[in-house]
Every structure is written in C-alpha cells, then in structure tokens.
PDB file of N, CA and C in Angstrom:
ATOM      1  N   MET A   1      25.563  15.329   1.903  1.00  0.00           N
ATOM      2  CA  MET A   1      25.251  15.627   0.507  1.00  0.00           C
ATOM      3  C   MET A   1      26.408  16.411  -0.107  1.00  0.00           C
ATOM      4  N   THR A   2      26.811  16.003  -1.302  1.00  0.00           N
ATOM      5  CA  THR A   2      27.887  16.695  -1.996  1.00  0.00           C
ATOM      6  C   THR A   2      27.296  17.544  -3.113  1.00  0.00           C
ATOM      7  N   ALA A   3      28.163  18.229  -3.850  1.00  0.00           N
ATOM      8  CA  ALA A   3      27.706  19.041  -4.983  1.00  0.00           C
ATOM      9  C   ALA A   3      27.073  18.165  -6.058  1.00  0.00           C
ATOM     10  N   THR A   4      27.403  16.874  -6.056  1.00  0.00           N
ATOM     11  CA  THR A   4      26.857  15.978  -7.068  1.00  0.00           C
ATOM     12  C   THR A   4      25.686  15.156  -6.555  1.00  0.00           C
ATOM     13  N   GLY A   5      25.241  15.385  -5.339  1.00  0.00           N
ATOM     14  CA  GLY A   5      24.090  14.658  -4.815  1.00  0.00           C
ATOM     15  C   GLY A   5      24.425  13.879  -3.560  1.00  0.00           C
ATOM     16  N   GLN A   6      23.561  12.925  -3.236  1.00  0.00           N
ATOM     17  CA  GLN A   6      23.730  12.088  -2.050  1.00  0.00           C
ATOM     18  C   GLN A   6      24.219  10.708  -2.465  1.00  0.00           C
ATOM     19  N   SER A   7      24.861  10.042  -1.534  1.00  0.00           N
ATOM     20  CA  SER A   7      25.291   8.673  -1.777  1.00  0.00           C
ATOM     21  C   SER A   7      24.065   7.774  -1.947  1.00  0.00           C
ATOM     22  N   LEU A   8      24.155   6.796  -2.796  1.00  0.00           N
ATOM     23  CA  LEU A   8      23.072   5.841  -2.989  1.00  0.00           C
ATOM     24  C   LEU A   8      22.696   5.171  -1.674  1.00  0.00           C
ATOM     25  N   MET A   9      23.661   4.971  -0.784  1.00  0.00           N
ATOM     26  CA  MET A   9      23.407   4.321   0.502  1.00  0.00           C
ATOM     27  C   MET A   9      22.521   5.163   1.420  1.00  0.00           C
ATOM     28  N   GLN A  10      22.316   6.423   1.116  1.00  0.00           N
ATOM     29  CA  GLN A  10      21.474   7.293   1.935  1.00  0.00           C
ATOM     30  C   GLN A  10      20.009   7.259   1.494  1.00  0.00           C
ATOM     31  N   MET A  11      19.709   6.566   0.414  1.00  0.00           N
ATOM     32  CA  MET A  11      18.348   6.517  -0.105  1.00  0.00           C
ATOM     33  C   MET A  11      17.542   5.423   0.602  1.00  0.00           C
ATOM     34  N   ALA A  12      16.276   5.690   0.854  1.00  0.00           N
ATOM     35  CA  ALA A  12      15.393   4.716   1.498  1.00  0.00           C
ATOM     36  C   ALA A  12      14.880   3.708   0.466  1.00  0.00           C
ATOM     37  N   ASN A  13      14.449   2.555   0.960  1.00  0.00           N
ATOM     38  CA  ASN A  13      13.849   1.549   0.077  1.00  0.00           C
ATOM     39  C   ASN A  13      12.703   2.179  -0.705  1.00  0.00           C
ATOM     40  N   GLY A  14      12.592   1.842  -1.991  1.00  0.00           N
ATOM     41  CA  GLY A  14      11.516   2.346  -2.833  1.00  0.00           C
ATOM     42  C   GLY A  14      11.785   3.697  -3.459  1.00  0.00           C
ATOM     43  N   THR A  15      12.909   4.323  -3.117  1.00  0.00           N
ATOM     44  CA  THR A  15      13.240   5.643  -3.660  1.00  0.00           C
ATOM     45  C   THR A  15      13.720   5.523  -5.102  1.00  0.00           C
ATOM     46  N   LYS A  16      13.141   6.341  -5.966  1.00  0.00           N
ATOM     47  CA  LYS A  16      13.626   6.447  -7.340  1.00  0.00           C
ATOM     48  C   LYS A  16      14.528   7.663  -7.403  1.00  0.00           C
ATOM     49  N   CYS A  17      15.672   7.495  -8.044  1.00  0.00           N
ATOM     50  CA  CYS A  17      16.631   8.582  -8.143  1.00  0.00           C
ATOM     51  C   CYS A  17      17.410   8.458  -9.442  1.00  0.00           C
ATOM     52  N   MET A  18      18.165   9.492  -9.755  1.00  0.00           N
ATOM     53  CA  MET A  18      18.944   9.515 -10.989  1.00  0.00           C
ATOM     54  C   MET A  18      20.421   9.585 -10.643  1.00  0.00           C
ATOM     55  N   ILE A  19      21.225   8.817 -11.328  1.00  0.00           N
ATOM     56  CA  ILE A  19      22.665   8.812 -11.082  1.00  0.00           C
ATOM     57  C   ILE A  19      23.253  10.142 -11.533  1.00  0.00           C
ATOM     58  N   ALA A  20      23.961  10.813 -10.607  1.00  0.00           N
ATOM     59  CA  ALA A  20      24.589  12.100 -10.900  1.00  0.00           C
ATOM     60  C   ALA A  20      26.095  11.950 -11.122  1.00  0.00           C
ATOM     61  N   ALA A  21      26.713  10.994 -10.416  1.00  0.00           N
ATOM     62  CA  ALA A  21      28.157  10.787 -10.547  1.00  0.00           C
ATOM     63  C   ALA A  21      28.527   9.410 -10.003  1.00  0.00           C
ATOM     64  N   ILE A  22      29.596   8.857 -10.558  1.00  0.00           N
ATOM     65  CA  ILE A  22      30.134   7.591 -10.078  1.00  0.00           C
ATOM     66  C   ILE A  22      31.613   7.821  -9.808  1.00  0.00           C
ATOM     67  N   ASP A  23      31.995   7.753  -8.542  1.00  0.00           N
ATOM     68  CA  ASP A  23      33.354   8.059  -8.118  1.00  0.00           C
ATOM     69  C   ASP A  23      34.074   6.776  -7.718  1.00  0.00           C
ATOM     70  N   LEU A  24      34.400   5.967  -8.716  1.00  0.00           N
ATOM     71  CA  LEU A  24      35.071   4.687  -8.495  1.00  0.00           C
ATOM     72  C   LEU A  24      36.282   4.592  -9.411  1.00  0.00           C
ATOM     73  N   SER A  25      37.098   3.578  -9.188  1.00  0.00           N
ATOM     74  CA  SER A  25      38.241   3.352 -10.073  1.00  0.00           C
ATOM     75  C   SER A  25      37.722   3.105 -11.486  1.00  0.00           C
ATOM     76  N   SER A  26      38.555   3.322 -12.463  1.00  0.00           N
ATOM     77  CA  SER A  26      38.113   3.171 -13.853  1.00  0.00           C
ATOM     78  C   SER A  26      37.645   1.744 -14.141  1.00  0.00           C
ATOM     79  N   GLU A  27      38.261   0.752 -13.525  1.00  0.00           N
ATOM     80  CA  GLU A  27      37.863  -0.642 -13.741  1.00  0.00           C
ATOM     81  C   GLU A  27      36.455  -0.905 -13.191  1.00  0.00           C
ATOM     82  N   SER A  28      36.191  -0.457 -11.978  1.00  0.00           N
ATOM     83  CA  SER A  28      34.870  -0.644 -11.369  1.00  0.00           C
ATOM     84  C   SER A  28      33.810   0.164 -12.105  1.00  0.00           C
ATOM     85  N   ARG A  29      34.154   1.392 -12.474  1.00  0.00           N
ATOM     86  CA  ARG A  29      33.216   2.250 -13.199  1.00  0.00           C
ATOM     87  C   ARG A  29      32.849   1.627 -14.549  1.00  0.00           C
ATOM     88  N   GLU A  30      33.832   1.095 -15.237  1.00  0.00           N
ATOM     89  CA  GLU A  30      33.595   0.457 -16.540  1.00  0.00           C
ATOM     90  C   GLU A  30      32.639  -0.729 -16.408  1.00  0.00           C
ATOM     91  N   ARG A  31      32.806  -1.528 -15.360  1.00  0.00           N
ATOM     92  CA  ARG A  31      31.916  -2.670 -15.126  1.00  0.00           C
ATOM     93  C   ARG A  31      30.490  -2.199 -14.895  1.00  0.00           C
ATOM     94  N   LEU A  32      30.318  -1.136 -14.100  1.00  0.00           N
ATOM     95  CA  LEU A  32      28.977  -0.603 -13.852  1.00  0.00           C
ATOM     96  C   LEU A  32      28.370  -0.028 -15.137  1.00  0.00           C
ATOM     97  N   PHE A  33      29.191   0.628 -15.953  1.00  0.00           N
ATOM     98  CA  PHE A  33      28.703   1.145 -17.235  1.00  0.00           C
ATOM     99  C   PHE A  33      28.164   0.008 -18.092  1.00  0.00           C
ATOM    100  N   GLU A  34      28.883  -1.101 -18.125  1.00  0.00           N
ATOM    101  CA  GLU A  34      28.455  -2.256 -18.922  1.00  0.00           C
ATOM    102  C   GLU A  34      27.145  -2.846 -18.405  1.00  0.00           C
ATOM    103  N   LEU A  35      26.854  -2.658 -17.120  1.00  0.00           N
ATOM    104  CA  LEU A  35      25.608  -3.143 -16.530  1.00  0.00           C
ATOM    105  C   LEU A  35      24.461  -2.140 -16.698  1.00  0.00           C
ATOM    106  N   GLY A  36      24.733  -0.991 -17.314  1.00  0.00           N
ATOM    107  CA  GLY A  36      23.696  -0.005 -17.570  1.00  0.00           C
ATOM    108  C   GLY A  36      23.625   1.129 -16.577  1.00  0.00           C
ATOM    109  N   LEU A  37      24.570   1.208 -15.651  1.00  0.00           N
ATOM    110  CA  LEU A  37      24.590   2.288 -14.659  1.00  0.00           C
ATOM    111  C   LEU A  37      25.413   3.450 -15.207  1.00  0.00           C
ATOM    112  N   LEU A  38      24.733   4.367 -15.869  1.00  0.00           N
ATOM    113  CA  LEU A  38      25.375   5.529 -16.462  1.00  0.00           C
ATOM    114  C   LEU A  38      24.847   6.792 -15.799  1.00  0.00           C
ATOM    115  N   VAL A  39      25.620   7.849 -15.836  1.00  0.00           N
ATOM    116  CA  VAL A  39      25.146   9.131 -15.328  1.00  0.00           C
ATOM    117  C   VAL A  39      23.891   9.511 -16.109  1.00  0.00           C
ATOM    118  N   GLY A  40      22.849   9.895 -15.382  1.00  0.00           N
ATOM    119  CA  GLY A  40      21.572  10.248 -16.005  1.00  0.00           C
ATOM    120  C   GLY A  40      20.553   9.132 -16.012  1.00  0.00           C
ATOM    121  N   THR A  41      20.964   7.925 -15.631  1.00  0.00           N
ATOM    122  CA  THR A  41      20.063   6.775 -15.587  1.00  0.00           C
ATOM    123  C   THR A  41      19.229   6.813 -14.310  1.00  0.00           C
ATOM    124  N   THR A  42      17.917   6.582 -14.455  1.00  0.00           N
ATOM    125  CA  THR A  42      17.041   6.509 -13.287  1.00  0.00           C
ATOM    126  C   THR A  42      17.097   5.097 -12.721  1.00  0.00           C
ATOM    127  N   ILE A  43      17.241   5.017 -11.413  1.00  0.00           N
ATOM    128  CA  ILE A  43      17.282   3.728 -10.718  1.00  0.00           C
ATOM    129  C   ILE A  43      16.313   3.770  -9.540  1.00  0.00           C
ATOM    130  N   GLU A  44      16.001   2.613  -9.009  1.00  0.00           N
ATOM    131  CA  GLU A  44      15.150   2.523  -7.828  1.00  0.00           C
ATOM    132  C   GLU A  44      15.837   1.635  -6.800  1.00  0.00           C
ATOM    133  N   VAL A  45      15.888   2.108  -5.561  1.00  0.00           N
ATOM    134  CA  VAL A  45      16.437   1.299  -4.481  1.00  0.00           C
ATOM    135  C   VAL A  45      15.358   0.296  -4.092  1.00  0.00           C
ATOM    136  N   VAL A  46      15.646  -1.001  -4.252  1.00  0.00           N
ATOM    137  CA  VAL A  46      14.679  -2.039  -3.914  1.00  0.00           C
ATOM    138  C   VAL A  46      14.784  -2.369  -2.432  1.00  0.00           C
ATOM    139  N   ARG A  47      15.994  -2.720  -1.990  1.00  0.00           N
ATOM    140  CA  ARG A  47      16.185  -3.046  -0.575  1.00  0.00           C
ATOM    141  C   ARG A  47      17.666  -3.202  -0.262  1.00  0.00           C
ATOM    142  N   TYR A  48      17.929  -3.177   1.024  1.00  0.00           N
ATOM    143  CA  TYR A  48      19.282  -3.415   1.534  1.00  0.00           C
ATOM    144  C   TYR A  48      19.295  -4.777   2.212  1.00  0.00           C
ATOM    145  N   ALA A  49      20.394  -5.478   2.112  1.00  0.00           N
ATOM    146  CA  ALA A  49      20.543  -6.738   2.843  1.00  0.00           C
ATOM    147  C   ALA A  49      20.492  -6.416   4.345  1.00  0.00           C
ATOM    148  N   PRO A  50      20.204  -7.397   5.183  1.00  0.00           N
ATOM    149  CA  PRO A  50      20.065  -7.137   6.626  1.00  0.00           C
ATOM    150  C   PRO A  50      21.216  -6.354   7.261  1.00  0.00           C
ATOM    151  N   LEU A  51      22.426  -6.571   6.829  1.00  0.00           N
ATOM    152  CA  LEU A  51      23.560  -5.827   7.383  1.00  0.00           C
ATOM    153  C   LEU A  51      23.997  -4.680   6.475  1.00  0.00           C
ATOM    154  N   GLY A  52      23.166  -4.346   5.474  1.00  0.00           N
ATOM    155  CA  GLY A  52      23.449  -3.221   4.592  1.00  0.00           C
ATOM    156  C   GLY A  52      24.346  -3.537   3.416  1.00  0.00           C
ATOM    157  N   ASP A  53      24.703  -4.786   3.236  1.00  0.00           N
ATOM    158  CA  ASP A  53      25.594  -5.146   2.134  1.00  0.00           C
ATOM    159  C   ASP A  53      25.188  -6.495   1.586  1.00  0.00           C
ATOM    160  N   PRO A  54      24.801  -6.605   0.345  1.00  0.00           N
ATOM    161  CA  PRO A  54      24.772  -5.589  -0.707  1.00  0.00           C
ATOM    162  C   PRO A  54      23.448  -4.837  -0.731  1.00  0.00           C
ATOM    163  N   VAL A  55      23.350  -3.917  -1.689  1.00  0.00           N
ATOM    164  CA  VAL A  55      22.108  -3.178  -1.918  1.00  0.00           C
ATOM    165  C   VAL A  55      21.527  -3.651  -3.257  1.00  0.00           C
ATOM    166  N   GLU A  56      20.217  -3.841  -3.290  1.00  0.00           N
ATOM    167  CA  GLU A  56      19.538  -4.274  -4.513  1.00  0.00           C
ATOM    168  C   GLU A  56      18.870  -3.062  -5.147  1.00  0.00           C
ATOM    169  N   ILE A  57      19.149  -2.852  -6.430  1.00  0.00           N
ATOM    170  CA  ILE A  57      18.535  -1.747  -7.161  1.00  0.00           C
ATOM    171  C   ILE A  57      17.855  -2.275  -8.412  1.00  0.00           C
ATOM    172  N   LYS A  58      16.923  -1.488  -8.918  1.00  0.00           N
ATOM    173  CA  LYS A  58      16.273  -1.802 -10.184  1.00  0.00           C
ATOM    174  C   LYS A  58      16.755  -0.770 -11.196  1.00  0.00           C
ATOM    175  N   VAL A  59      17.292  -1.255 -12.307  1.00  0.00           N
ATOM    176  CA  VAL A  59      17.816  -0.375 -13.343  1.00  0.00           C
ATOM    177  C   VAL A  59      17.461  -0.965 -14.704  1.00  0.00           C
ATOM    178  N   ARG A  60      16.888  -0.145 -15.561  1.00  0.00           N
ATOM    179  CA  ARG A  60      16.554  -0.546 -16.939  1.00  0.00           C
ATOM    180  C   ARG A  60      15.752  -1.846 -17.013  1.00  0.00           C
ATOM    181  N   GLY A  61      14.855  -2.050 -16.045  1.00  0.00           N
ATOM    182  CA  GLY A  61      13.961  -3.204 -16.073  1.00  0.00           C
ATOM    183  C   GLY A  61      14.486  -4.472 -15.429  1.00  0.00           C
ATOM    184  N   TYR A  62      15.663  -4.439 -14.868  1.00  0.00           N
ATOM    185  CA  TYR A  62      16.165  -5.634 -14.175  1.00  0.00           C
ATOM    186  C   TYR A  62      16.712  -5.246 -12.808  1.00  0.00           C
ATOM    187  N   ARG A  63      16.903  -6.242 -11.956  1.00  0.00           N
ATOM    188  CA  ARG A  63      17.424  -6.010 -10.603  1.00  0.00           C
ATOM    189  C   ARG A  63      18.900  -6.374 -10.552  1.00  0.00           C
ATOM    190  N   LEU A  64      19.612  -5.590  -9.780  1.00  0.00           N
ATOM    191  CA  LEU A  64      21.054  -5.729  -9.694  1.00  0.00           C
ATOM    192  C   LEU A  64      21.476  -5.567  -8.242  1.00  0.00           C
ATOM    193  N   MET A  65      22.360  -6.418  -7.780  1.00  0.00           N
ATOM    194  CA  MET A  65      22.921  -6.310  -6.430  1.00  0.00           C
ATOM    195  C   MET A  65      24.326  -5.720  -6.566  1.00  0.00           C
ATOM    196  N   ILE A  66      24.572  -4.655  -5.818  1.00  0.00           N
ATOM    197  CA  ILE A  66      25.914  -4.079  -5.849  1.00  0.00           C
ATOM    198  C   ILE A  66      26.451  -3.959  -4.418  1.00  0.00           C
ATOM    199  N   PRO A  67      27.759  -4.107  -4.257  1.00  0.00           N
ATOM    200  CA  PRO A  67      28.354  -4.040  -2.924  1.00  0.00           C
ATOM    201  C   PRO A  67      28.204  -2.655  -2.303  1.00  0.00           C
ATOM    202  N   ARG A  68      28.112  -2.635  -1.000  1.00  0.00           N
ATOM    203  CA  ARG A  68      27.991  -1.378  -0.262  1.00  0.00           C
ATOM    204  C   ARG A  68      29.148  -0.437  -0.594  1.00  0.00           C
ATOM    205  N   SER A  69      30.347  -0.982  -0.704  1.00  0.00           N
ATOM    206  CA  SER A  69      31.527  -0.146  -0.973  1.00  0.00           C
ATOM    207  C   SER A  69      31.385   0.621  -2.290  1.00  0.00           C
ATOM    208  N   GLU A  70      30.708   0.035  -3.265  1.00  0.00           N
ATOM    209  CA  GLU A  70      30.470   0.724  -4.537  1.00  0.00           C
ATOM    210  C   GLU A  70      29.271   1.665  -4.421  1.00  0.00           C
ATOM    211  N   ALA A  71      28.219   1.223  -3.743  1.00  0.00           N
ATOM    212  CA  ALA A  71      27.015   2.047  -3.595  1.00  0.00           C
ATOM    213  C   ALA A  71      27.332   3.356  -2.866  1.00  0.00           C
ATOM    214  N   GLU A  72      28.287   3.327  -1.947  1.00  0.00           N
ATOM    215  CA  GLU A  72      28.674   4.543  -1.226  1.00  0.00           C
ATOM    216  C   GLU A  72      29.337   5.561  -2.141  1.00  0.00           C
ATOM    217  N   ARG A  73      29.874   5.125  -3.266  1.00  0.00           N
ATOM    218  CA  ARG A  73      30.581   6.006  -4.201  1.00  0.00           C
ATOM    219  C   ARG A  73      29.743   6.351  -5.438  1.00  0.00           C
ATOM    220  N   ILE A  74      28.461   5.955  -5.431  1.00  0.00           N
ATOM    221  CA  ILE A  74      27.528   6.326  -6.490  1.00  0.00           C
ATOM    222  C   ILE A  74      26.652   7.435  -5.920  1.00  0.00           C
ATOM    223  N   PHE A  75      26.661   8.584  -6.568  1.00  0.00           N
ATOM    224  CA  PHE A  75      25.918   9.736  -6.071  1.00  0.00           C
ATOM    225  C   PHE A  75      24.683   9.962  -6.936  1.00  0.00           C
ATOM    226  N   VAL A  76      23.566  10.228  -6.264  1.00  0.00           N
ATOM    227  CA  VAL A  76      22.282  10.325  -6.946  1.00  0.00           C
ATOM    228  C   VAL A  76      21.537  11.594  -6.545  1.00  0.00           C
ATOM    229  N   VAL A  77      20.586  11.983  -7.391  1.00  0.00           N
ATOM    230  CA  VAL A  77      19.676  13.099  -7.131  1.00  0.00           C
ATOM    231  C   VAL A  77      18.273  12.618  -7.451  1.00  0.00           C
ATOM    232  N   PRO A  78      17.255  13.273  -6.889  1.00  0.00           N
ATOM    233  CA  PRO A  78      15.891  12.874  -7.251  1.00  0.00           C
ATOM    234  C   PRO A  78      15.683  13.041  -8.758  1.00  0.00           C
ATOM    235  N   PRO A  79      14.920  12.156  -9.381  1.00  0.00           N
ATOM    236  CA  PRO A  79      14.711  12.278 -10.831  1.00  0.00           C
ATOM    237  C   PRO A  79      13.889  13.513 -11.158  1.00  0.00           C
ATOM    238  N   ILE A  80      14.114  14.059 -12.329  1.00  0.00           N
ATOM    239  CA  ILE A  80      13.343  15.206 -12.789  1.00  0.00           C
ATOM    240  C   ILE A  80      11.989  14.692 -13.276  1.00  0.00           C
ATOM    241  N   VAL A  81      10.933  15.273 -12.741  1.00  0.00           N
ATOM    242  CA  VAL A  81       9.581  14.864 -13.113  1.00  0.00           C
ATOM    243  C   VAL A  81       8.987  15.952 -13.986  1.00  0.00           C
ATOM    244  N   GLU A  82       8.583  15.576 -15.191  1.00  0.00           N
ATOM    245  CA  GLU A  82       7.986  16.545 -16.096  1.00  0.00           C
ATOM    246  C   GLU A  82       6.538  16.788 -15.714  1.00  0.00           C
ATOM    247  N   ASN A  83       6.130  18.035 -15.736  1.00  0.00           N
ATOM    248  CA  ASN A  83       4.752  18.394 -15.423  1.00  0.00           C
ATOM    249  C   ASN A  83       3.935  18.342 -16.710  1.00  0.00           C
ATOM    250  N   LYS A  84       3.015  17.395 -16.776  1.00  0.00           N
ATOM    251  CA  LYS A  84       2.208  17.225 -17.997  1.00  0.00           C
ATOM    252  C   LYS A  84       0.797  17.765 -17.741  1.00  0.00           C
ATOM    253  N   GLY A  85       0.724  19.023 -17.546  1.00  0.00           N
ATOM    254  CA  GLY A  85      -0.591  19.556 -17.251  1.00  0.00           C
ATOM    255  C   GLY A  85      -0.771  20.949 -17.583  1.00  0.00           C
TER     256      GLY A  85
END
C-alpha cells in the first residue's frame, strides 16, 4: 500500500473502490481519462482473467477490460460511504 492507496490488482472480485491516483505515461493516462477513469471515480472489480491479465472492471455503468500492466499502476482506496441515519 502506498500513500495514494493500493494497486487495483490487489482488490478482490466484487470490490468497489475509488480511484486515488493513476501513475502511467501521459498517453496511457489520457486514454483512460477518455474512457471515464478519473481520480475520484468509483469502480468495481468484476473479475480477473484466468492468468490475471486483463482485469475487468465496471465504471460509470459499463464494463471495461484493462491490461494488468495498467491496472498495477492504478491506485485505489475504499469508497467513502455516507451515513444516512
């Protein structure tokens, strides 16, 4: 775990988390931004391929497959849950 959270690859299937940082080249980061993966976005880990590459996530109502090499450089934290009571 880093100061910005854990790698997306460390999350179990079904885990909902929030993107804390994306540590990729500007070209790769820009592509992920265009797909809706922004810091502060809540995502859900759907599943990993049998050999761990790629990883399937749910973001903004759709499913997306991203390579393990990129998922290792996306850092996440548990989402903030508001107490409505």
